[in-house]
């Protein structure tokens, strides 16, 4: 059986690209991204991916703490299920080890299949917590991005709405849109310039900026899109 990437309407892809270019090329973005990575600010910055100790083969209490820096609440029942249920822990570790050792922009359709398995188990573990404070798809996106920062984008309502993909309601289609953005040469160029521009905008501040393009793209879209949604 031939496996292919999910189909996403060309108009949606074009709109997402236009919105990403708009955010990355806007004169305010370097300052916004720099603020996100200012260790003296109250933004998550690199703490989300770098808080240690880091264990690449298991979902740990530190991972849940780091995920919480992105303004999500993980329900107590989900915490217990993820950290204390031996069967869930074993399955999460197994699926983590099966993830492709590549960046999102280099993934294949077969890689998406293993990404879905890990994401879906994380989401199910959250959803079964059965509490109103749980937001499974957003929180699952953030936990998976913590575990593989180069592979999973942080899909939240702000970014999805800004890119115009909120109605796709499909994690694979969202990943595919992000994959296309990261493979775009113009976007690649703007992302490569962003760290230096952010440091210039915050001269004298020791910013802790990540080198991973997917993380920079996430930060730029979230900061720019969030301010735009608020009319700032």
C-alpha atoms as a PDB file:
ATOM      1  CA  UNK A   1       0.000   0.000   0.000  1.00  0.00           C
ATOM      2  CA  UNK A   2       1.310   3.421  -0.989  1.00  0.00           C
ATOM      3  CA  UNK A   3       1.304   5.921   1.876  1.00  0.00           C
ATOM      4  CA  UNK A   4       1.271   9.627   1.084  1.00  0.00           C
ATOM      5  CA  UNK A   5       1.111  12.883   2.982  1.00  0.00           C
ATOM      6  CA  UNK A   6      -2.363  14.198   3.821  1.00  0.00           C
ATOM      7  CA  UNK A   7      -4.018  16.404   1.251  1.00  0.00           C
ATOM      8  CA  UNK A   8      -4.303  20.090   2.173  1.00  0.00           C
ATOM      9  CA  UNK A   9      -6.038  22.582  -0.112  1.00  0.00           C
ATOM     10  CA  UNK A  10      -3.533  24.714  -2.022  1.00  0.00           C
ATOM     11  CA  UNK A  11      -5.337  27.895  -0.960  1.00  0.00           C
ATOM     12  CA  UNK A  12      -4.842  27.009   2.698  1.00  0.00           C
ATOM     13  CA  UNK A  13      -1.171  26.279   2.113  1.00  0.00           C
ATOM     14  CA  UNK A  14      -0.722  29.595   0.304  1.00  0.00           C
ATOM     15  CA  UNK A  15      -2.510  31.518   3.051  1.00  0.00           C
ATOM     16  CA  UNK A  16      -0.349  29.871   5.720  1.00  0.00           C
ATOM     17  CA  UNK A  17       2.812  30.742   3.788  1.00  0.00           C
ATOM     18  CA  UNK A  18       1.695  34.351   3.318  1.00  0.00           C
ATOM     19  CA  UNK A  19       0.908  34.684   7.015  1.00  0.00           C
ATOM     20  CA  UNK A  20       4.231  33.143   8.045  1.00  0.00           C
ATOM     21  CA  UNK A  21       6.134  35.484   5.740  1.00  0.00           C
ATOM     22  CA  UNK A  22       4.172  38.419   7.061  1.00  0.00           C
ATOM     23  CA  UNK A  23       5.052  37.569  10.652  1.00  0.00           C
ATOM     24  CA  UNK A  24       8.715  36.811   9.988  1.00  0.00           C
ATOM     25  CA  UNK A  25       9.312  39.938   7.912  1.00  0.00           C
ATOM     26  CA  UNK A  26       7.434  42.382  10.153  1.00  0.00           C
ATOM     27  CA  UNK A  27       9.600  45.016  11.819  1.00  0.00           C
ATOM     28  CA  UNK A  28       8.240  44.152  15.279  1.00  0.00           C
ATOM     29  CA  UNK A  29       8.960  40.425  15.178  1.00  0.00           C
ATOM     30  CA  UNK A  30      12.627  40.505  16.170  1.00  0.00           C
ATOM     31  CA  UNK A  31      11.753  42.447  19.312  1.00  0.00           C
ATOM     32  CA  UNK A  32       8.867  40.078  20.123  1.00  0.00           C
ATOM     33  CA  UNK A  33      10.967  36.948  19.647  1.00  0.00           C
ATOM     34  CA  UNK A  34      13.820  38.457  21.634  1.00  0.00           C
ATOM     35  CA  UNK A  35      11.441  39.111  24.512  1.00  0.00           C
ATOM     36  CA  UNK A  36      10.270  35.503  24.350  1.00  0.00           C
ATOM     37  CA  UNK A  37      13.874  34.350  24.815  1.00  0.00           C
ATOM     38  CA  UNK A  38      14.811  36.917  27.456  1.00  0.00           C
ATOM     39  CA  UNK A  39      15.585  34.890  30.610  1.00  0.00           C
ATOM     40  CA  UNK A  40      14.410  37.839  32.729  1.00  0.00           C
ATOM     41  CA  UNK A  41      10.970  37.839  31.091  1.00  0.00           C
ATOM     42  CA  UNK A  42       8.061  35.642  32.126  1.00  0.00           C
ATOM     43  CA  UNK A  43       7.909  33.913  28.738  1.00  0.00           C
ATOM     44  CA  UNK A  44       8.894  30.255  28.415  1.00  0.00           C
ATOM     45  CA  UNK A  45      11.738  30.815  25.954  1.00  0.00           C
ATOM     46  CA  UNK A  46      14.239  27.981  25.726  1.00  0.00           C
ATOM     47  CA  UNK A  47      13.211  26.684  29.168  1.00  0.00           C
ATOM     48  CA  UNK A  48      10.436  24.766  27.424  1.00  0.00           C
ATOM     49  CA  UNK A  49      12.889  22.559  25.526  1.00  0.00           C
ATOM     50  CA  UNK A  50      16.053  22.879  27.618  1.00  0.00           C
ATOM     51  CA  UNK A  51      14.870  22.440  31.216  1.00  0.00           C
ATOM     52  CA  UNK A  52      16.733  19.475  32.631  1.00  0.00           C
ATOM     53  CA  UNK A  53      17.351  16.773  33.291  1.00  0.00           C
ATOM     54  CA  UNK A  54      16.157  15.643  29.871  1.00  0.00           C
ATOM     55  CA  UNK A  55      15.370  12.015  29.089  1.00  0.00           C
ATOM     56  CA  UNK A  56      14.868  11.281  25.401  1.00  0.00           C
ATOM     57  CA  UNK A  57      13.331   7.861  26.083  1.00  0.00           C
ATOM     58  CA  UNK A  58      10.571   8.646  28.584  1.00  0.00           C
ATOM     59  CA  UNK A  59       7.983  11.270  29.484  1.00  0.00           C
ATOM     60  CA  UNK A  60       9.058  12.575  32.880  1.00  0.00           C
ATOM     61  CA  UNK A  61       7.891  14.965  35.575  1.00  0.00           C
ATOM     62  CA  UNK A  62      10.372  17.523  34.215  1.00  0.00           C
ATOM     63  CA  UNK A  63       8.695  17.258  30.795  1.00  0.00           C
ATOM     64  CA  UNK A  64       5.312  18.033  32.330  1.00  0.00           C
ATOM     65  CA  UNK A  65       6.793  20.946  34.291  1.00  0.00           C
ATOM     66  CA  UNK A  66       8.422  22.322  31.140  1.00  0.00           C
ATOM     67  CA  UNK A  67       5.168  21.945  29.222  1.00  0.00           C
ATOM     68  CA  UNK A  68       3.416  23.961  31.892  1.00  0.00           C
ATOM     69  CA  UNK A  69       5.610  26.958  31.040  1.00  0.00           C
ATOM     70  CA  UNK A  70       3.540  27.227  27.836  1.00  0.00           C
ATOM     71  CA  UNK A  71       0.415  28.135  29.814  1.00  0.00           C
ATOM     72  CA  UNK A  72      -1.338  24.765  29.903  1.00  0.00           C
ATOM     73  CA  UNK A  73      -2.589  22.855  32.922  1.00  0.00           C
ATOM     74  CA  UNK A  74      -2.100  19.101  33.021  1.00  0.00           C
ATOM     75  CA  UNK A  75      -4.865  17.535  35.122  1.00  0.00           C
ATOM     76  CA  UNK A  76      -3.770  15.519  38.168  1.00  0.00           C
ATOM     77  CA  UNK A  77      -5.335  12.321  36.813  1.00  0.00           C
ATOM     78  CA  UNK A  78      -3.348  12.724  33.608  1.00  0.00           C
ATOM     79  CA  UNK A  79      -0.164  13.352  35.592  1.00  0.00           C
ATOM     80  CA  UNK A  80      -0.710  10.126  37.504  1.00  0.00           C
ATOM     81  CA  UNK A  81      -1.509   8.187  34.362  1.00  0.00           C
ATOM     82  CA  UNK A  82       1.559   9.418  32.503  1.00  0.00           C
ATOM     83  CA  UNK A  83       4.023   9.191  35.396  1.00  0.00           C
ATOM     84  CA  UNK A  84       2.726   6.354  37.567  1.00  0.00           C
ATOM     85  CA  UNK A  85       0.933   3.894  35.293  1.00  0.00           C
ATOM     86  CA  UNK A  86       3.589   1.346  34.320  1.00  0.00           C
ATOM     87  CA  UNK A  87       1.823   0.198  31.157  1.00  0.00           C
ATOM     88  CA  UNK A  88       1.363   3.751  29.889  1.00  0.00           C
ATOM     89  CA  UNK A  89       4.989   4.563  30.678  1.00  0.00           C
ATOM     90  CA  UNK A  90       6.222   1.505  28.759  1.00  0.00           C
ATOM     91  CA  UNK A  91       4.077   2.292  25.738  1.00  0.00           C
ATOM     92  CA  UNK A  92       5.092   5.960  25.693  1.00  0.00           C
ATOM     93  CA  UNK A  93       8.755   4.944  25.815  1.00  0.00           C
ATOM     94  CA  UNK A  94       8.261   2.399  23.046  1.00  0.00           C
ATOM     95  CA  UNK A  95       6.591   4.935  20.776  1.00  0.00           C
ATOM     96  CA  UNK A  96       9.205   7.570  21.600  1.00  0.00           C
ATOM     97  CA  UNK A  97      11.965   5.214  20.507  1.00  0.00           C
ATOM     98  CA  UNK A  98      10.108   4.567  17.251  1.00  0.00           C
ATOM     99  CA  UNK A  99       9.990   8.237  16.269  1.00  0.00           C
ATOM    100  CA  UNK A 100      12.114   9.177  13.246  1.00  0.00           C
ATOM    101  CA  UNK A 101      15.505  10.795  14.050  1.00  0.00           C
ATOM    102  CA  UNK A 102      14.855  13.622  11.580  1.00  0.00           C
ATOM    103  CA  UNK A 103      13.599  17.176  11.519  1.00  0.00           C
ATOM    104  CA  UNK A 104       9.990  17.854  10.512  1.00  0.00           C
ATOM    105  CA  UNK A 105      11.051  19.270   7.149  1.00  0.00           C
ATOM    106  CA  UNK A 106      12.772  15.976   6.297  1.00  0.00           C
ATOM    107  CA  UNK A 107       9.940  13.653   7.287  1.00  0.00           C
ATOM    108  CA  UNK A 108       8.312  11.084   5.022  1.00  0.00           C
ATOM    109  CA  UNK A 109       4.691   9.885   5.056  1.00  0.00           C
ATOM    110  CA  UNK A 110       5.834   6.805   6.988  1.00  0.00           C
ATOM    111  CA  UNK A 111       7.348   9.102   9.613  1.00  0.00           C
ATOM    112  CA  UNK A 112       3.977  10.773  10.065  1.00  0.00           C
ATOM    113  CA  UNK A 113       2.507   7.385  10.987  1.00  0.00           C
ATOM    114  CA  UNK A 114       4.863   6.926  13.948  1.00  0.00           C
ATOM    115  CA  UNK A 115       4.394  10.578  14.940  1.00  0.00           C
ATOM    116  CA  UNK A 116       0.646   9.967  15.085  1.00  0.00           C
ATOM    117  CA  UNK A 117       1.034   6.943  17.341  1.00  0.00           C
ATOM    118  CA  UNK A 118       3.005   8.832  19.981  1.00  0.00           C
ATOM    119  CA  UNK A 119       0.861  11.969  19.759  1.00  0.00           C
ATOM    120  CA  UNK A 120      -2.388   9.981  19.951  1.00  0.00           C
ATOM    121  CA  UNK A 121      -1.322   8.107  23.085  1.00  0.00           C
ATOM    122  CA  UNK A 122      -0.315  11.362  24.800  1.00  0.00           C
ATOM    123  CA  UNK A 123      -3.628  12.944  23.813  1.00  0.00           C
ATOM    124  CA  UNK A 124      -5.608   9.908  24.978  1.00  0.00           C
ATOM    125  CA  UNK A 125      -3.820   9.958  28.326  1.00  0.00           C
ATOM    126  CA  UNK A 126      -4.893  13.579  28.760  1.00  0.00           C
ATOM    127  CA  UNK A 127      -8.425  13.148  27.458  1.00  0.00           C
ATOM    128  CA  UNK A 128      -9.152  10.261  29.817  1.00  0.00           C
ATOM    129  CA  UNK A 129      -8.465  12.598  32.726  1.00  0.00           C
ATOM    130  CA  UNK A 130     -12.087  13.684  32.220  1.00  0.00           C
ATOM    131  CA  UNK A 131     -11.835  17.226  33.506  1.00  0.00           C
ATOM    132  CA  UNK A 132     -12.969  20.559  32.125  1.00  0.00           C
ATOM    133  CA  UNK A 133      -9.503  22.029  32.560  1.00  0.00           C
ATOM    134  CA  UNK A 134      -8.047  19.505  30.121  1.00  0.00           C
ATOM    135  CA  UNK A 135      -7.416  20.685  26.565  1.00  0.00           C
ATOM    136  CA  UNK A 136      -6.048  17.460  25.097  1.00  0.00           C
ATOM    137  CA  UNK A 137      -5.026  18.418  21.556  1.00  0.00           C
ATOM    138  CA  UNK A 138      -3.212  21.603  22.575  1.00  0.00           C
ATOM    139  CA  UNK A 139      -1.506  20.046  25.577  1.00  0.00           C
ATOM    140  CA  UNK A 140      -0.574  16.918  23.615  1.00  0.00           C
ATOM    141  CA  UNK A 141       1.022  19.114  20.950  1.00  0.00           C
ATOM    142  CA  UNK A 142       3.115  20.842  23.591  1.00  0.00           C
ATOM    143  CA  UNK A 143       4.218  17.640  25.332  1.00  0.00           C
ATOM    144  CA  UNK A 144       5.245  16.058  22.026  1.00  0.00           C
ATOM    145  CA  UNK A 145       7.085  19.229  21.010  1.00  0.00           C
ATOM    146  CA  UNK A 146       8.951  19.129  24.331  1.00  0.00           C
ATOM    147  CA  UNK A 147      10.037  15.539  23.658  1.00  0.00           C
ATOM    148  CA  UNK A 148      11.057  16.140  20.016  1.00  0.00           C
ATOM    149  CA  UNK A 149      11.541  19.911  19.486  1.00  0.00           C
ATOM    150  CA  UNK A 150      12.770  19.451  15.920  1.00  0.00           C
ATOM    151  CA  UNK A 151       9.862  17.213  14.897  1.00  0.00           C
ATOM    152  CA  UNK A 152       6.585  18.424  16.410  1.00  0.00           C
ATOM    153  CA  UNK A 153       5.260  21.987  16.076  1.00  0.00           C
ATOM    154  CA  UNK A 154       3.400  23.570  18.959  1.00  0.00           C
ATOM    155  CA  UNK A 155      -0.145  23.611  17.603  1.00  0.00           C
ATOM    156  CA  UNK A 156      -2.269  25.924  19.685  1.00  0.00           C
ATOM    157  CA  UNK A 157      -5.313  28.028  18.876  1.00  0.00           C
ATOM    158  CA  UNK A 158      -3.332  31.245  18.459  1.00  0.00           C
ATOM    159  CA  UNK A 159      -0.964  29.833  15.838  1.00  0.00           C
ATOM    160  CA  UNK A 160      -3.568  27.743  14.028  1.00  0.00           C
ATOM    161  CA  UNK A 161      -5.940  30.699  13.797  1.00  0.00           C
ATOM    162  CA  UNK A 162      -3.177  32.999  12.588  1.00  0.00           C
ATOM    163  CA  UNK A 163      -2.096  30.584   9.844  1.00  0.00           C
ATOM    164  CA  UNK A 164      -5.696  29.877   8.852  1.00  0.00           C
ATOM    165  CA  UNK A 165      -5.519  26.147   9.541  1.00  0.00           C
ATOM    166  CA  UNK A 166      -7.768  26.014  12.590  1.00  0.00           C
ATOM    167  CA  UNK A 167     -10.588  24.353  10.656  1.00  0.00           C
ATOM    168  CA  UNK A 168      -8.457  21.500   9.375  1.00  0.00           C
ATOM    169  CA  UNK A 169      -8.960  19.755  12.723  1.00  0.00           C
ATOM    170  CA  UNK A 170      -6.289  17.231  11.825  1.00  0.00           C
ATOM    171  CA  UNK A 171      -2.871  16.885  13.411  1.00  0.00           C
ATOM    172  CA  UNK A 172      -1.307  15.372  10.277  1.00  0.00           C
ATOM    173  CA  UNK A 173      -2.586  18.172   8.052  1.00  0.00           C
ATOM    174  CA  UNK A 174      -1.263  20.765  10.483  1.00  0.00           C
ATOM    175  CA  UNK A 175       2.137  19.023  10.540  1.00  0.00           C
ATOM    176  CA  UNK A 176       2.155  18.963   6.755  1.00  0.00           C
ATOM    177  CA  UNK A 177       1.539  22.725   6.587  1.00  0.00           C
ATOM    178  CA  UNK A 178       4.415  23.349   9.005  1.00  0.00           C
ATOM    179  CA  UNK A 179       6.607  20.976   7.001  1.00  0.00           C
ATOM    180  CA  UNK A 180       5.899  22.991   3.852  1.00  0.00           C
ATOM    181  CA  UNK A 181       6.700  26.247   5.629  1.00  0.00           C
ATOM    182  CA  UNK A 182      10.045  24.934   6.864  1.00  0.00           C
ATOM    183  CA  UNK A 183      10.982  23.772   3.356  1.00  0.00           C
ATOM    184  CA  UNK A 184      10.259  27.194   1.844  1.00  0.00           C
ATOM    185  CA  UNK A 185      13.501  28.974   0.929  1.00  0.00           C
ATOM    186  CA  UNK A 186      12.221  32.471   1.712  1.00  0.00           C
ATOM    187  CA  UNK A 187      11.017  31.381   5.134  1.00  0.00           C
ATOM    188  CA  UNK A 188      14.307  29.566   5.739  1.00  0.00           C
ATOM    189  CA  UNK A 189      16.185  32.786   4.992  1.00  0.00           C
ATOM    190  CA  UNK A 190      14.093  34.856   7.373  1.00  0.00           C
ATOM    191  CA  UNK A 191      14.442  32.261  10.136  1.00  0.00           C
ATOM    192  CA  UNK A 192      18.217  32.183   9.738  1.00  0.00           C
ATOM    193  CA  UNK A 193      18.378  35.966  10.194  1.00  0.00           C
ATOM    194  CA  UNK A 194      15.965  36.106  13.134  1.00  0.00           C
ATOM    195  CA  UNK A 195      18.362  35.285  16.021  1.00  0.00           C
ATOM    196  CA  UNK A 196      20.800  38.079  15.100  1.00  0.00           C
ATOM    197  CA  UNK A 197      17.968  40.551  14.596  1.00  0.00           C
ATOM    198  CA  UNK A 198      16.472  39.621  17.963  1.00  0.00           C
ATOM    199  CA  UNK A 199      19.825  40.165  19.672  1.00  0.00           C
ATOM    200  CA  UNK A 200      20.203  43.549  17.957  1.00  0.00           C
ATOM    201  CA  UNK A 201      16.717  44.519  19.155  1.00  0.00           C
ATOM    202  CA  UNK A 202      17.716  43.575  22.717  1.00  0.00           C
ATOM    203  CA  UNK A 203      21.302  44.750  22.731  1.00  0.00           C
ATOM    204  CA  UNK A 204      22.943  44.125  26.084  1.00  0.00           C
ATOM    205  CA  UNK A 205      20.495  41.385  27.093  1.00  0.00           C
ATOM    206  CA  UNK A 206      21.876  37.823  27.133  1.00  0.00           C
ATOM    207  CA  UNK A 207      19.114  36.121  25.153  1.00  0.00           C
ATOM    208  CA  UNK A 208      18.900  32.331  25.204  1.00  0.00           C
ATOM    209  CA  UNK A 209      17.750  31.806  21.613  1.00  0.00           C
ATOM    210  CA  UNK A 210      17.351  28.332  20.164  1.00  0.00           C
ATOM    211  CA  UNK A 211      18.929  27.399  16.853  1.00  0.00           C
ATOM    212  CA  UNK A 212      16.198  24.970  15.807  1.00  0.00           C
ATOM    213  CA  UNK A 213      14.162  26.619  12.977  1.00  0.00           C
ATOM    214  CA  UNK A 214      10.899  24.954  13.997  1.00  0.00           C
ATOM    215  CA  UNK A 215      11.155  26.394  17.493  1.00  0.00           C
ATOM    216  CA  UNK A 216      11.914  29.877  16.120  1.00  0.00           C
ATOM    217  CA  UNK A 217       8.986  29.625  13.726  1.00  0.00           C
ATOM    218  CA  UNK A 218       6.681  28.571  16.565  1.00  0.00           C
ATOM    219  CA  UNK A 219       7.845  31.476  18.734  1.00  0.00           C
ATOM    220  CA  UNK A 220       7.497  34.056  15.969  1.00  0.00           C
ATOM    221  CA  UNK A 221       4.026  32.921  14.922  1.00  0.00           C
ATOM    222  CA  UNK A 222       2.779  32.734  18.507  1.00  0.00           C
ATOM    223  CA  UNK A 223       4.124  36.133  19.522  1.00  0.00           C
ATOM    224  CA  UNK A 224       3.070  37.940  16.343  1.00  0.00           C
ATOM    225  CA  UNK A 225      -0.242  36.147  15.946  1.00  0.00           C
ATOM    226  CA  UNK A 226      -1.155  36.567  19.590  1.00  0.00           C
ATOM    227  CA  UNK A 227      -0.566  40.316  19.547  1.00  0.00           C
ATOM    228  CA  UNK A 228      -2.501  40.631  16.290  1.00  0.00           C
ATOM    229  CA  UNK A 229      -5.465  38.744  17.745  1.00  0.00           C
ATOM    230  CA  UNK A 230      -5.467  41.199  20.645  1.00  0.00           C
ATOM    231  CA  UNK A 231      -5.323  44.157  18.254  1.00  0.00           C
ATOM    232  CA  UNK A 232      -1.898  45.315  19.403  1.00  0.00           C
END
